[in-house]
Amino acid sequence: MSSLQGYVDRKPSKSSPHCPLSSPFPGRVLLILQDGRAIVGTLAGYDQKSNVVLADSKERLYSTDQGVEEIPLGLYLVKGDMVTLIGEIDDAIDSAVDLSTIRADPLPAIRY
């Protein structure tokens, strides 16, 4: 068993609506990365450098021609300096949205 398995198997707790990381493991989150990727997954852990571990993660690819495509990534580690935004996902709202009907330009990478 990996050292992360204990965290992955824990039930997420509810967090404050103002700070998604105020409790240790709030549940499903959306990460927007500096290169424009959008990754959704269950928050399994994070550290003081904002490195994030996601379980059952999927990358959401946006397109103006097709609906949103979800690519399964599984257990995924994101380096903290790549994270632009972390937001908690409301599962009821997220599951009610038909991603195949959404058309959007992909997010551009951040330019310095």
PDB file of N, CA and C in Angstrom:
ATOM      1  N   MET A   1       0.854  -1.185   0.000  1.00  0.00           N
ATOM      2  CA  MET A   1       0.000   0.000   0.000  1.00  0.00           C
ATOM      3  C   MET A   1       0.895   1.241   0.000  1.00  0.00           C
ATOM      4  N   SER A   2       0.556   2.189  -0.868  1.00  0.00           N
ATOM      5  CA  SER A   2       1.365   3.404  -0.946  1.00  0.00           C
ATOM      6  C   SER A   2       1.104   4.293   0.265  1.00  0.00           C
ATOM      7  N   SER A   3       2.010   5.231   0.498  1.00  0.00           N
ATOM      8  CA  SER A   3       1.857   6.138   1.635  1.00  0.00           C
ATOM      9  C   SER A   3       0.669   7.078   1.450  1.00  0.00           C
ATOM     10  N   LEU A   4       0.214   7.280   0.207  1.00  0.00           N
ATOM     11  CA  LEU A   4      -0.933   8.158  -0.049  1.00  0.00           C
ATOM     12  C   LEU A   4      -2.266   7.435   0.095  1.00  0.00           C
ATOM     13  N   GLN A   5      -2.255   6.100   0.128  1.00  0.00           N
ATOM     14  CA  GLN A   5      -3.507   5.346   0.114  1.00  0.00           C
ATOM     15  C   GLN A   5      -4.405   5.694   1.300  1.00  0.00           C
ATOM     16  N   GLY A   6      -3.830   5.958   2.460  1.00  0.00           N
ATOM     17  CA  GLY A   6      -4.640   6.339   3.622  1.00  0.00           C
ATOM     18  C   GLY A   6      -5.388   7.635   3.391  1.00  0.00           C
ATOM     19  N   TYR A   7      -4.759   8.569   2.704  1.00  0.00           N
ATOM     20  CA  TYR A   7      -5.414   9.841   2.396  1.00  0.00           C
ATOM     21  C   TYR A   7      -6.486   9.672   1.330  1.00  0.00           C
ATOM     22  N   VAL A   8      -6.188   8.861   0.321  1.00  0.00           N
ATOM     23  CA  VAL A   8      -7.125   8.673  -0.780  1.00  0.00           C
ATOM     24  C   VAL A   8      -8.390   7.986  -0.284  1.00  0.00           C
ATOM     25  N   ASP A   9      -8.278   7.063   0.673  1.00  0.00           N
ATOM     26  CA  ASP A   9      -9.428   6.322   1.169  1.00  0.00           C
ATOM     27  C   ASP A   9     -10.273   7.102   2.169  1.00  0.00           C
ATOM     28  N   ARG A  10      -9.786   8.244   2.650  1.00  0.00           N
ATOM     29  CA  ARG A  10     -10.545   9.026   3.638  1.00  0.00           C
ATOM     30  C   ARG A  10     -11.762   9.667   2.994  1.00  0.00           C
ATOM     31  N   LYS A  11     -12.812   9.783   3.765  1.00  0.00           N
ATOM     32  CA  LYS A  11     -13.996  10.501   3.300  1.00  0.00           C
ATOM     33  C   LYS A  11     -13.715  11.993   3.388  1.00  0.00           C
ATOM     34  N   PRO A  12     -14.045  12.755   2.311  1.00  0.00           N
ATOM     35  CA  PRO A  12     -13.817  14.200   2.382  1.00  0.00           C
ATOM     36  C   PRO A  12     -14.735  14.858   3.395  1.00  0.00           C
ATOM     37  N   SER A  13     -14.237  15.904   4.032  1.00  0.00           N
ATOM     38  CA  SER A  13     -15.057  16.655   4.980  1.00  0.00           C
ATOM     39  C   SER A  13     -15.510  17.945   4.325  1.00  0.00           C
ATOM     40  N   LYS A  14     -16.540  18.549   4.862  1.00  0.00           N
ATOM     41  CA  LYS A  14     -17.037  19.820   4.330  1.00  0.00           C
ATOM     42  C   LYS A  14     -16.098  20.938   4.751  1.00  0.00           C
ATOM     43  N   SER A  15     -15.904  21.881   3.854  1.00  0.00           N
ATOM     44  CA  SER A  15     -15.024  23.003   4.163  1.00  0.00           C
ATOM     45  C   SER A  15     -15.823  24.291   4.196  1.00  0.00           C
ATOM     46  N   SER A  16     -15.158  25.331   4.590  1.00  0.00           N
ATOM     47  CA  SER A  16     -15.755  26.658   4.584  1.00  0.00           C
ATOM     48  C   SER A  16     -16.042  27.067   3.146  1.00  0.00           C
ATOM     49  N   PRO A  17     -17.174  27.734   2.866  1.00  0.00           N
ATOM     50  CA  PRO A  17     -17.456  28.151   1.494  1.00  0.00           C
ATOM     51  C   PRO A  17     -16.500  29.228   0.999  1.00  0.00           C
ATOM     52  N   HIS A  18     -15.763  29.865   1.903  1.00  0.00           N
ATOM     53  CA  HIS A  18     -14.878  30.949   1.501  1.00  0.00           C
ATOM     54  C   HIS A  18     -13.454  30.497   1.250  1.00  0.00           C
ATOM     55  N   CYS A  19     -13.072  29.364   1.795  1.00  0.00           N
ATOM     56  CA  CYS A  19     -11.709  28.871   1.626  1.00  0.00           C
ATOM     57  C   CYS A  19     -11.744  27.369   1.400  1.00  0.00           C
ATOM     58  N   PRO A  20     -11.597  26.899   0.141  1.00  0.00           N
ATOM     59  CA  PRO A  20     -11.730  25.480  -0.127  1.00  0.00           C
ATOM     60  C   PRO A  20     -10.704  24.613   0.572  1.00  0.00           C
ATOM     61  N   LEU A  21      -9.572  25.178   0.999  1.00  0.00           N
ATOM     62  CA  LEU A  21      -8.557  24.364   1.644  1.00  0.00           C
ATOM     63  C   LEU A  21      -8.542  24.552   3.155  1.00  0.00           C
ATOM     64  N   SER A  22      -9.634  25.099   3.729  1.00  0.00           N
ATOM     65  CA  SER A  22      -9.647  25.343   5.168  1.00  0.00           C
ATOM     66  C   SER A  22      -9.759  24.049   5.966  1.00  0.00           C
ATOM     67  N   SER A  23     -10.346  23.011   5.408  1.00  0.00           N
ATOM     68  CA  SER A  23     -10.327  21.713   6.061  1.00  0.00           C
ATOM     69  C   SER A  23      -9.315  20.855   5.318  1.00  0.00           C
ATOM     70  N   PRO A  24      -8.832  19.788   5.932  1.00  0.00           N
ATOM     71  CA  PRO A  24      -7.759  19.029   5.307  1.00  0.00           C
ATOM     72  C   PRO A  24      -8.081  18.499   3.911  1.00  0.00           C
ATOM     73  N   PHE A  25      -9.261  17.945   3.707  1.00  0.00           N
ATOM     74  CA  PHE A  25      -9.595  17.334   2.429  1.00  0.00           C
ATOM     75  C   PHE A  25     -11.049  17.626   2.078  1.00  0.00           C
ATOM     76  N   PRO A  26     -11.300  18.737   1.374  1.00  0.00           N
ATOM     77  CA  PRO A  26     -12.675  19.156   1.132  1.00  0.00           C
ATOM     78  C   PRO A  26     -13.433  18.327   0.108  1.00  0.00           C
ATOM     79  N   GLY A  27     -12.792  17.534  -0.706  1.00  0.00           N
ATOM     80  CA  GLY A  27     -13.510  16.743  -1.707  1.00  0.00           C
ATOM     81  C   GLY A  27     -13.029  17.083  -3.102  1.00  0.00           C
ATOM     82  N   ARG A  28     -13.970  17.179  -4.054  1.00  0.00           N
ATOM     83  CA  ARG A  28     -13.601  17.432  -5.452  1.00  0.00           C
ATOM     84  C   ARG A  28     -13.262  18.906  -5.674  1.00  0.00           C
ATOM     85  N   VAL A  29     -12.176  19.107  -6.414  1.00  0.00           N
ATOM     86  CA  VAL A  29     -11.712  20.459  -6.704  1.00  0.00           C
ATOM     87  C   VAL A  29     -11.386  20.581  -8.194  1.00  0.00           C
ATOM     88  N   LEU A  30     -11.367  21.833  -8.656  1.00  0.00           N
ATOM     89  CA  LEU A  30     -10.935  22.170 -10.004  1.00  0.00           C
ATOM     90  C   LEU A  30      -9.629  22.936  -9.879  1.00  0.00           C
ATOM     91  N   LEU A  31      -8.615  22.495 -10.600  1.00  0.00           N
ATOM     92  CA  LEU A  31      -7.338  23.209 -10.664  1.00  0.00           C
ATOM     93  C   LEU A  31      -7.207  23.826 -12.044  1.00  0.00           C
ATOM     94  N   ILE A  32      -6.871  25.103 -12.101  1.00  0.00           N
ATOM     95  CA  ILE A  32      -6.484  25.745 -13.349  1.00  0.00           C
ATOM     96  C   ILE A  32      -4.982  25.942 -13.256  1.00  0.00           C
ATOM     97  N   LEU A  33      -4.255  25.422 -14.237  1.00  0.00           N
ATOM     98  CA  LEU A  33      -2.802  25.477 -14.212  1.00  0.00           C
ATOM     99  C   LEU A  33      -2.280  26.594 -15.110  1.00  0.00           C
ATOM    100  N   GLN A  34      -1.034  26.964 -14.916  1.00  0.00           N
ATOM    101  CA  GLN A  34      -0.437  28.063 -15.662  1.00  0.00           C
ATOM    102  C   GLN A  34      -0.391  27.816 -17.163  1.00  0.00           C
ATOM    103  N   ASP A  35      -0.366  26.552 -17.580  1.00  0.00           N
ATOM    104  CA  ASP A  35      -0.337  26.256 -19.004  1.00  0.00           C
ATOM    105  C   ASP A  35      -1.738  26.175 -19.613  1.00  0.00           C
ATOM    106  N   GLY A  36      -2.774  26.504 -18.817  1.00  0.00           N
ATOM    107  CA  GLY A  36      -4.139  26.561 -19.314  1.00  0.00           C
ATOM    108  C   GLY A  36      -4.946  25.293 -19.100  1.00  0.00           C
ATOM    109  N   ARG A  37      -4.341  24.261 -18.554  1.00  0.00           N
ATOM    110  CA  ARG A  37      -5.084  23.014 -18.336  1.00  0.00           C
ATOM    111  C   ARG A  37      -6.063  23.169 -17.175  1.00  0.00           C
ATOM    112  N   ALA A  38      -7.201  22.470 -17.298  1.00  0.00           N
ATOM    113  CA  ALA A  38      -8.209  22.409 -16.240  1.00  0.00           C
ATOM    114  C   ALA A  38      -8.291  20.956 -15.785  1.00  0.00           C
ATOM    115  N   ILE A  39      -7.986  20.706 -14.510  1.00  0.00           N
ATOM    116  CA  ILE A  39      -7.972  19.350 -13.978  1.00  0.00           C
ATOM    117  C   ILE A  39      -8.941  19.272 -12.801  1.00  0.00           C
ATOM    118  N   VAL A  40      -9.801  18.251 -12.836  1.00  0.00           N
ATOM    119  CA  VAL A  40     -10.793  18.023 -11.791  1.00  0.00           C
ATOM    120  C   VAL A  40     -10.439  16.714 -11.096  1.00  0.00           C
ATOM    121  N   GLY A  41     -10.503  16.699  -9.763  1.00  0.00           N
ATOM    122  CA  GLY A  41     -10.234  15.468  -9.032  1.00  0.00           C
ATOM    123  C   GLY A  41     -10.534  15.628  -7.557  1.00  0.00           C
ATOM    124  N   THR A  42     -10.392  14.544  -6.839  1.00  0.00           N
ATOM    125  CA  THR A  42     -10.598  14.536  -5.395  1.00  0.00           C
ATOM    126  C   THR A  42      -9.293  14.934  -4.716  1.00  0.00           C
ATOM    127  N   LEU A  43      -9.347  15.979  -3.907  1.00  0.00           N
ATOM    128  CA  LEU A  43      -8.150  16.453  -3.225  1.00  0.00           C
ATOM    129  C   LEU A  43      -7.691  15.403  -2.227  1.00  0.00           C
ATOM    130  N   ALA A  44      -6.506  14.844  -2.475  1.00  0.00           N
ATOM    131  CA  ALA A  44      -5.962  13.818  -1.591  1.00  0.00           C
ATOM    132  C   ALA A  44      -4.908  14.389  -0.655  1.00  0.00           C
ATOM    133  N   GLY A  45      -4.330  15.543  -0.999  1.00  0.00           N
ATOM    134  CA  GLY A  45      -3.331  16.142  -0.133  1.00  0.00           C
ATOM    135  C   GLY A  45      -2.716  17.373  -0.764  1.00  0.00           C
ATOM    136  N   TYR A  46      -2.058  18.161   0.063  1.00  0.00           N
ATOM    137  CA  TYR A  46      -1.320  19.335  -0.379  1.00  0.00           C
ATOM    138  C   TYR A  46      -0.298  19.674   0.696  1.00  0.00           C
ATOM    139  N   ASP A  47       0.665  20.525   0.339  1.00  0.00           N
ATOM    140  CA  ASP A  47       1.678  20.908   1.317  1.00  0.00           C
ATOM    141  C   ASP A  47       1.893  22.413   1.321  1.00  0.00           C
ATOM    142  N   GLN A  48       2.878  22.870   2.092  1.00  0.00           N
ATOM    143  CA  GLN A  48       3.125  24.306   2.262  1.00  0.00           C
ATOM    144  C   GLN A  48       3.626  24.974   0.982  1.00  0.00           C
ATOM    145  N   LYS A  49       4.079  24.200   0.006  1.00  0.00           N
ATOM    146  CA  LYS A  49       4.527  24.750  -1.278  1.00  0.00           C
ATOM    147  C   LYS A  49       3.409  24.741  -2.318  1.00  0.00           C
ATOM    148  N   SER A  50       2.201  24.417  -1.889  1.00  0.00           N
ATOM    149  CA  SER A  50       1.014  24.317  -2.745  1.00  0.00           C
ATOM    150  C   SER A  50       1.082  23.169  -3.741  1.00  0.00           C
ATOM    151  N   ASN A  51       1.978  22.197  -3.520  1.00  0.00           N
ATOM    152  CA  ASN A  51       1.928  20.969  -4.311  1.00  0.00           C
ATOM    153  C   ASN A  51       0.617  20.279  -3.972  1.00  0.00           C
ATOM    154  N   VAL A  52      -0.058  19.743  -4.979  1.00  0.00           N
ATOM    155  CA  VAL A  52      -1.386  19.173  -4.790  1.00  0.00           C
ATOM    156  C   VAL A  52      -1.406  17.740  -5.318  1.00  0.00           C
ATOM    157  N   VAL A  53      -2.026  16.829  -4.550  1.00  0.00           N
ATOM    158  CA  VAL A  53      -2.242  15.456  -4.991  1.00  0.00           C
ATOM    159  C   VAL A  53      -3.735  15.278  -5.205  1.00  0.00           C
ATOM    160  N   LEU A  54      -4.108  14.845  -6.419  1.00  0.00           N
ATOM    161  CA  LEU A  54      -5.510  14.585  -6.754  1.00  0.00           C
ATOM    162  C   LEU A  54      -5.697  13.101  -7.020  1.00  0.00           C
ATOM    163  N   ALA A  55      -6.780  12.546  -6.522  1.00  0.00           N
ATOM    164  CA  ALA A  55      -7.168  11.166  -6.813  1.00  0.00           C
ATOM    165  C   ALA A  55      -8.328  11.194  -7.805  1.00  0.00           C
ATOM    166  N   ASP A  56      -8.445  10.162  -8.605  1.00  0.00           N
ATOM    167  CA  ASP A  56      -9.529  10.048  -9.595  1.00  0.00           C
ATOM    168  C   ASP A  56      -9.640  11.318 -10.433  1.00  0.00           C
ATOM    169  N   SER A  57      -8.519  11.825 -10.898  1.00  0.00           N
ATOM    170  CA  SER A  57      -8.523  13.104 -11.607  1.00  0.00           C
ATOM    171  C   SER A  57      -8.783  12.918 -13.101  1.00  0.00           C
ATOM    172  N   LYS A  58      -9.303  14.003 -13.705  1.00  0.00           N
ATOM    173  CA  LYS A  58      -9.577  14.047 -15.139  1.00  0.00           C
ATOM    174  C   LYS A  58      -9.204  15.433 -15.642  1.00  0.00           C
ATOM    175  N   GLU A  59      -8.586  15.468 -16.816  1.00  0.00           N
ATOM    176  CA  GLU A  59      -8.320  16.746 -17.456  1.00  0.00           C
ATOM    177  C   GLU A  59      -9.500  17.068 -18.354  1.00  0.00           C
ATOM    178  N   ARG A  60      -9.996  18.299 -18.261  1.00  0.00           N
ATOM    179  CA  ARG A  60     -11.097  18.738 -19.112  1.00  0.00           C
ATOM    180  C   ARG A  60     -10.526  19.575 -20.250  1.00  0.00           C
ATOM    181  N   LEU A  61     -10.760  19.097 -21.482  1.00  0.00           N
ATOM    182  CA  LEU A  61     -10.294  19.798 -22.674  1.00  0.00           C
ATOM    183  C   LEU A  61     -11.468  20.537 -23.298  1.00  0.00           C
ATOM    184  N   TYR A  62     -11.335  21.851 -23.399  1.00  0.00           N
ATOM    185  CA  TYR A  62     -12.393  22.688 -23.962  1.00  0.00           C
ATOM    186  C   TYR A  62     -12.109  22.950 -25.435  1.00  0.00           C
ATOM    187  N   SER A  63     -13.177  23.050 -26.224  1.00  0.00           N
ATOM    188  CA  SER A  63     -13.050  23.279 -27.646  1.00  0.00           C
ATOM    189  C   SER A  63     -14.252  24.070 -28.142  1.00  0.00           C
ATOM    190  N   THR A  64     -14.050  24.868 -29.175  1.00  0.00           N
ATOM    191  CA  THR A  64     -15.171  25.600 -29.770  1.00  0.00           C
ATOM    192  C   THR A  64     -15.924  24.720 -30.761  1.00  0.00           C
ATOM    193  N   ASP A  65     -15.310  23.606 -31.210  1.00  0.00           N
ATOM    194  CA  ASP A  65     -15.936  22.719 -32.190  1.00  0.00           C
ATOM    195  C   ASP A  65     -16.701  21.564 -31.558  1.00  0.00           C
ATOM    196  N   GLN A  66     -16.198  21.044 -30.450  1.00  0.00           N
ATOM    197  CA  GLN A  66     -16.785  19.871 -29.803  1.00  0.00           C
ATOM    198  C   GLN A  66     -17.118  20.214 -28.359  1.00  0.00           C
ATOM    199  N   GLY A  67     -17.802  19.293 -27.715  1.00  0.00           N
ATOM    200  CA  GLY A  67     -18.062  19.484 -26.289  1.00  0.00           C
ATOM    201  C   GLY A  67     -16.797  19.264 -25.482  1.00  0.00           C
ATOM    202  N   VAL A  68     -16.913  19.406 -24.185  1.00  0.00           N
ATOM    203  CA  VAL A  68     -15.768  19.215 -23.292  1.00  0.00           C
ATOM    204  C   VAL A  68     -15.412  17.730 -23.253  1.00  0.00           C
ATOM    205  N   GLU A  69     -14.140  17.450 -23.484  1.00  0.00           N
ATOM    206  CA  GLU A  69     -13.655  16.075 -23.420  1.00  0.00           C
ATOM    207  C   GLU A  69     -12.948  15.880 -22.089  1.00  0.00           C
ATOM    208  N   GLU A  70     -13.228  14.768 -21.414  1.00  0.00           N
ATOM    209  CA  GLU A  70     -12.559  14.454 -20.147  1.00  0.00           C
ATOM    210  C   GLU A  70     -11.602  13.294 -20.358  1.00  0.00           C
ATOM    211  N   ILE A  71     -10.344  13.525 -20.018  1.00  0.00           N
ATOM    212  CA  ILE A  71      -9.302  12.506 -20.150  1.00  0.00           C
ATOM    213  C   ILE A  71      -8.937  12.027 -18.745  1.00  0.00           C
ATOM    214  N   PRO A  72      -9.146  10.737 -18.426  1.00  0.00           N
ATOM    215  CA  PRO A  72      -8.801  10.242 -17.088  1.00  0.00           C
ATOM    216  C   PRO A  72      -7.292  10.261 -16.852  1.00  0.00           C
ATOM    217  N   LEU A  73      -6.898  10.775 -15.677  1.00  0.00           N
ATOM    218  CA  LEU A  73      -5.490  10.850 -15.298  1.00  0.00           C
ATOM    219  C   LEU A  73      -5.171   9.964 -14.093  1.00  0.00           C
ATOM    220  N   GLY A  74      -6.181   9.626 -13.291  1.00  0.00           N
ATOM    221  CA  GLY A  74      -5.954   8.813 -12.101  1.00  0.00           C
ATOM    222  C   GLY A  74      -5.352   9.630 -10.966  1.00  0.00           C
ATOM    223  N   LEU A  75      -4.420   9.022 -10.221  1.00  0.00           N
ATOM    224  CA  LEU A  75      -3.731   9.723  -9.139  1.00  0.00           C
ATOM    225  C   LEU A  75      -2.726  10.676  -9.776  1.00  0.00           C
ATOM    226  N   TYR A  76      -2.792  11.963  -9.437  1.00  0.00           N
ATOM    227  CA  TYR A  76      -2.046  12.981 -10.174  1.00  0.00           C
ATOM    228  C   TYR A  76      -1.420  13.972  -9.201  1.00  0.00           C
ATOM    229  N   LEU A  77      -0.145  14.257  -9.403  1.00  0.00           N
ATOM    230  CA  LEU A  77       0.579  15.223  -8.587  1.00  0.00           C
ATOM    231  C   LEU A  77       0.820  16.475  -9.412  1.00  0.00           C
ATOM    232  N   VAL A  78       0.431  17.633  -8.869  1.00  0.00           N
ATOM    233  CA  VAL A  78       0.636  18.912  -9.543  1.00  0.00           C
ATOM    234  C   VAL A  78       1.609  19.729  -8.709  1.00  0.00           C
ATOM    235  N   LYS A  79       2.678  20.178  -9.341  1.00  0.00           N
ATOM    236  CA  LYS A  79       3.671  21.002  -8.657  1.00  0.00           C
ATOM    237  C   LYS A  79       3.050  22.356  -8.327  1.00  0.00           C
ATOM    238  N   GLY A  80       3.304  22.846  -7.135  1.00  0.00           N
ATOM    239  CA  GLY A  80       2.670  24.048  -6.635  1.00  0.00           C
ATOM    240  C   GLY A  80       2.861  25.284  -7.478  1.00  0.00           C
ATOM    241  N   ASP A  81       4.023  25.434  -8.116  1.00  0.00           N
ATOM    242  CA  ASP A  81       4.241  26.645  -8.909  1.00  0.00           C
ATOM    243  C   ASP A  81       3.485  26.629 -10.236  1.00  0.00           C
ATOM    244  N   MET A  82       2.827  25.524 -10.556  1.00  0.00           N
ATOM    245  CA  MET A  82       1.992  25.449 -11.760  1.00  0.00           C
ATOM    246  C   MET A  82       0.540  25.840 -11.483  1.00  0.00           C
ATOM    247  N   VAL A  83       0.137  25.871 -10.210  1.00  0.00           N
ATOM    248  CA  VAL A  83      -1.261  26.114  -9.840  1.00  0.00           C
ATOM    249  C   VAL A  83      -1.582  27.608  -9.927  1.00  0.00           C
ATOM    250  N   THR A  84      -2.629  27.930 -10.681  1.00  0.00           N
ATOM    251  CA  THR A  84      -3.121  29.297 -10.771  1.00  0.00           C
ATOM    252  C   THR A  84      -4.337  29.481  -9.894  1.00  0.00           C
ATOM    253  N   LEU A  85      -5.222  28.470  -9.880  1.00  0.00           N
ATOM    254  CA  LEU A  85      -6.479  28.575  -9.140  1.00  0.00           C
ATOM    255  C   LEU A  85      -6.880  27.206  -8.631  1.00  0.00           C
ATOM    256  N   ILE A  86      -7.410  27.162  -7.403  1.00  0.00           N
ATOM    257  CA  ILE A  86      -8.008  25.943  -6.850  1.00  0.00           C
ATOM    258  C   ILE A  86      -9.407  26.322  -6.378  1.00  0.00           C
ATOM    259  N   GLY A  87     -10.400  25.588  -6.841  1.00  0.00           N
ATOM    260  CA  GLY A  87     -11.773  25.853  -6.414  1.00  0.00           C
ATOM    261  C   GLY A  87     -12.500  24.566  -6.115  1.00  0.00           C
ATOM    262  N   GLU A  88     -13.316  24.582  -5.065  1.00  0.00           N
ATOM    263  CA  GLU A  88     -14.097  23.408  -4.704  1.00  0.00           C
ATOM    264  C   GLU A  88     -15.283  23.260  -5.658  1.00  0.00           C
ATOM    265  N   ILE A  89     -15.582  22.019  -6.024  1.00  0.00           N
ATOM    266  CA  ILE A  89     -16.673  21.729  -6.955  1.00  0.00           C
ATOM    267  C   ILE A  89     -17.881  21.230  -6.181  1.00  0.00           C
ATOM    268  N   ASP A  90     -19.056  21.773  -6.503  1.00  0.00           N
ATOM    269  CA  ASP A  90     -20.319  21.272  -5.964  1.00  0.00           C
ATOM    270  C   ASP A  90     -20.727  20.098  -6.850  1.00  0.00           C
ATOM    271  N   ASP A  91     -20.683  18.877  -6.303  1.00  0.00           N
ATOM    272  CA  ASP A  91     -20.949  17.675  -7.086  1.00  0.00           C
ATOM    273  C   ASP A  91     -22.340  17.664  -7.703  1.00  0.00           C
ATOM    274  N   ALA A  92     -23.337  18.176  -7.000  1.00  0.00           N
ATOM    275  CA  ALA A  92     -24.706  18.181  -7.528  1.00  0.00           C
ATOM    276  C   ALA A  92     -24.791  19.051  -8.780  1.00  0.00           C
ATOM    277  N   ILE A  93     -24.196  20.215  -8.738  1.00  0.00           N
ATOM    278  CA  ILE A  93     -24.225  21.113  -9.895  1.00  0.00           C
ATOM    279  C   ILE A  93     -23.373  20.553 -11.029  1.00  0.00           C
ATOM    280  N   ASP A  94     -22.182  20.048 -10.705  1.00  0.00           N
ATOM    281  CA  ASP A  94     -21.284  19.533 -11.728  1.00  0.00           C
ATOM    282  C   ASP A  94     -21.891  18.339 -12.462  1.00  0.00           C
ATOM    283  N   SER A  95     -22.548  17.444 -11.742  1.00  0.00           N
ATOM    284  CA  SER A  95     -23.134  16.267 -12.388  1.00  0.00           C
ATOM    285  C   SER A  95     -24.374  16.628 -13.211  1.00  0.00           C
ATOM    286  N   ALA A  96     -25.020  17.755 -12.908  1.00  0.00           N
ATOM    287  CA  ALA A  96     -26.206  18.177 -13.656  1.00  0.00           C
ATOM    288  C   ALA A  96     -25.857  18.840 -14.987  1.00  0.00           C
ATOM    289  N   VAL A  97     -24.605  19.254 -15.163  1.00  0.00           N
ATOM    290  CA  VAL A  97     -24.181  19.939 -16.386  1.00  0.00           C
ATOM    291  C   VAL A  97     -23.813  18.900 -17.444  1.00  0.00           C
ATOM    292  N   ASP A  98     -24.363  19.061 -18.650  1.00  0.00           N
ATOM    293  CA  ASP A  98     -24.015  18.197 -19.775  1.00  0.00           C
ATOM    294  C   ASP A  98     -22.793  18.799 -20.457  1.00  0.00           C
ATOM    295  N   LEU A  99     -21.619  18.227 -20.195  1.00  0.00           N
ATOM    296  CA  LEU A  99     -20.369  18.775 -20.714  1.00  0.00           C
ATOM    297  C   LEU A  99     -20.280  18.712 -22.236  1.00  0.00           C
ATOM    298  N   SER A 100     -21.036  17.804 -22.860  1.00  0.00           N
ATOM    299  CA  SER A 100     -20.975  17.681 -24.315  1.00  0.00           C
ATOM    300  C   SER A 100     -21.607  18.872 -25.029  1.00  0.00           C
ATOM    301  N   THR A 101     -22.398  19.673 -24.306  1.00  0.00           N
ATOM    302  CA  THR A 101     -23.043  20.834 -24.924  1.00  0.00           C
ATOM    303  C   THR A 101     -22.261  22.132 -24.736  1.00  0.00           C
ATOM    304  N   ILE A 102     -21.194  22.085 -23.957  1.00  0.00           N
ATOM    305  CA  ILE A 102     -20.420  23.295 -23.663  1.00  0.00           C
ATOM    306  C   ILE A 102     -19.371  23.509 -24.752  1.00  0.00           C
ATOM    307  N   ARG A 103     -19.352  24.708 -25.311  1.00  0.00           N
ATOM    308  CA  ARG A 103     -18.358  25.097 -26.302  1.00  0.00           C
ATOM    309  C   ARG A 103     -17.593  26.300 -25.732  1.00  0.00           C
ATOM    310  N   ALA A 104     -16.282  26.213 -25.722  1.00  0.00           N
ATOM    311  CA  ALA A 104     -15.479  27.310 -25.178  1.00  0.00           C
ATOM    312  C   ALA A 104     -14.074  27.240 -25.744  1.00  0.00           C
ATOM    313  N   ASP A 105     -13.442  28.401 -25.845  1.00  0.00           N
ATOM    314  CA  ASP A 105     -12.032  28.439 -26.233  1.00  0.00           C
ATOM    315  C   ASP A 105     -11.204  27.868 -25.091  1.00  0.00           C
ATOM    316  N   PRO A 106     -10.160  27.101 -25.427  1.00  0.00           N
ATOM    317  CA  PRO A 106      -9.249  26.647 -24.362  1.00  0.00           C
ATOM    318  C   PRO A 106      -8.582  27.856 -23.710  1.00  0.00           C
ATOM    319  N   LEU A 107      -8.263  27.724 -22.434  1.00  0.00           N
ATOM    320  CA  LEU A 107      -7.561  28.802 -21.740  1.00  0.00           C
ATOM    321  C   LEU A 107      -6.134  28.909 -22.274  1.00  0.00           C
ATOM    322  N   PRO A 108      -5.671  30.115 -22.542  1.00  0.00           N
ATOM    323  CA  PRO A 108      -4.278  30.252 -22.983  1.00  0.00           C
ATOM    324  C   PRO A 108      -3.323  30.099 -21.799  1.00  0.00           C
ATOM    325  N   ALA A 109      -2.088  29.769 -22.106  1.00  0.00           N
ATOM    326  CA  ALA A 109      -1.068  29.691 -21.064  1.00  0.00           C
ATOM    327  C   ALA A 109      -0.749  31.095 -20.576  1.00  0.00           C
ATOM    328  N   ILE A 110      -0.311  31.195 -19.324  1.00  0.00           N
ATOM    329  CA  ILE A 110       0.081  32.484 -18.760  1.00  0.00           C
ATOM    330  C   ILE A 110       1.406  32.905 -19.389  1.00  0.00           C
ATOM    331  N   ARG A 111       1.449  34.180 -19.802  1.00  0.00           N
ATOM    332  CA  ARG A 111       2.690  34.730 -20.350  1.00  0.00           C
ATOM    333  C   ARG A 111       3.246  35.748 -19.380  1.00  0.00           C
ATOM    334  N   TYR A 112       4.519  35.669 -19.141  1.00  0.00           N
ATOM    335  CA  TYR A 112       5.163  36.593 -18.202  1.00  0.00           C
ATOM    336  C   TYR A 112       5.805  37.719 -18.955  1.00  0.00           C
TER     337      TYR A 112
END
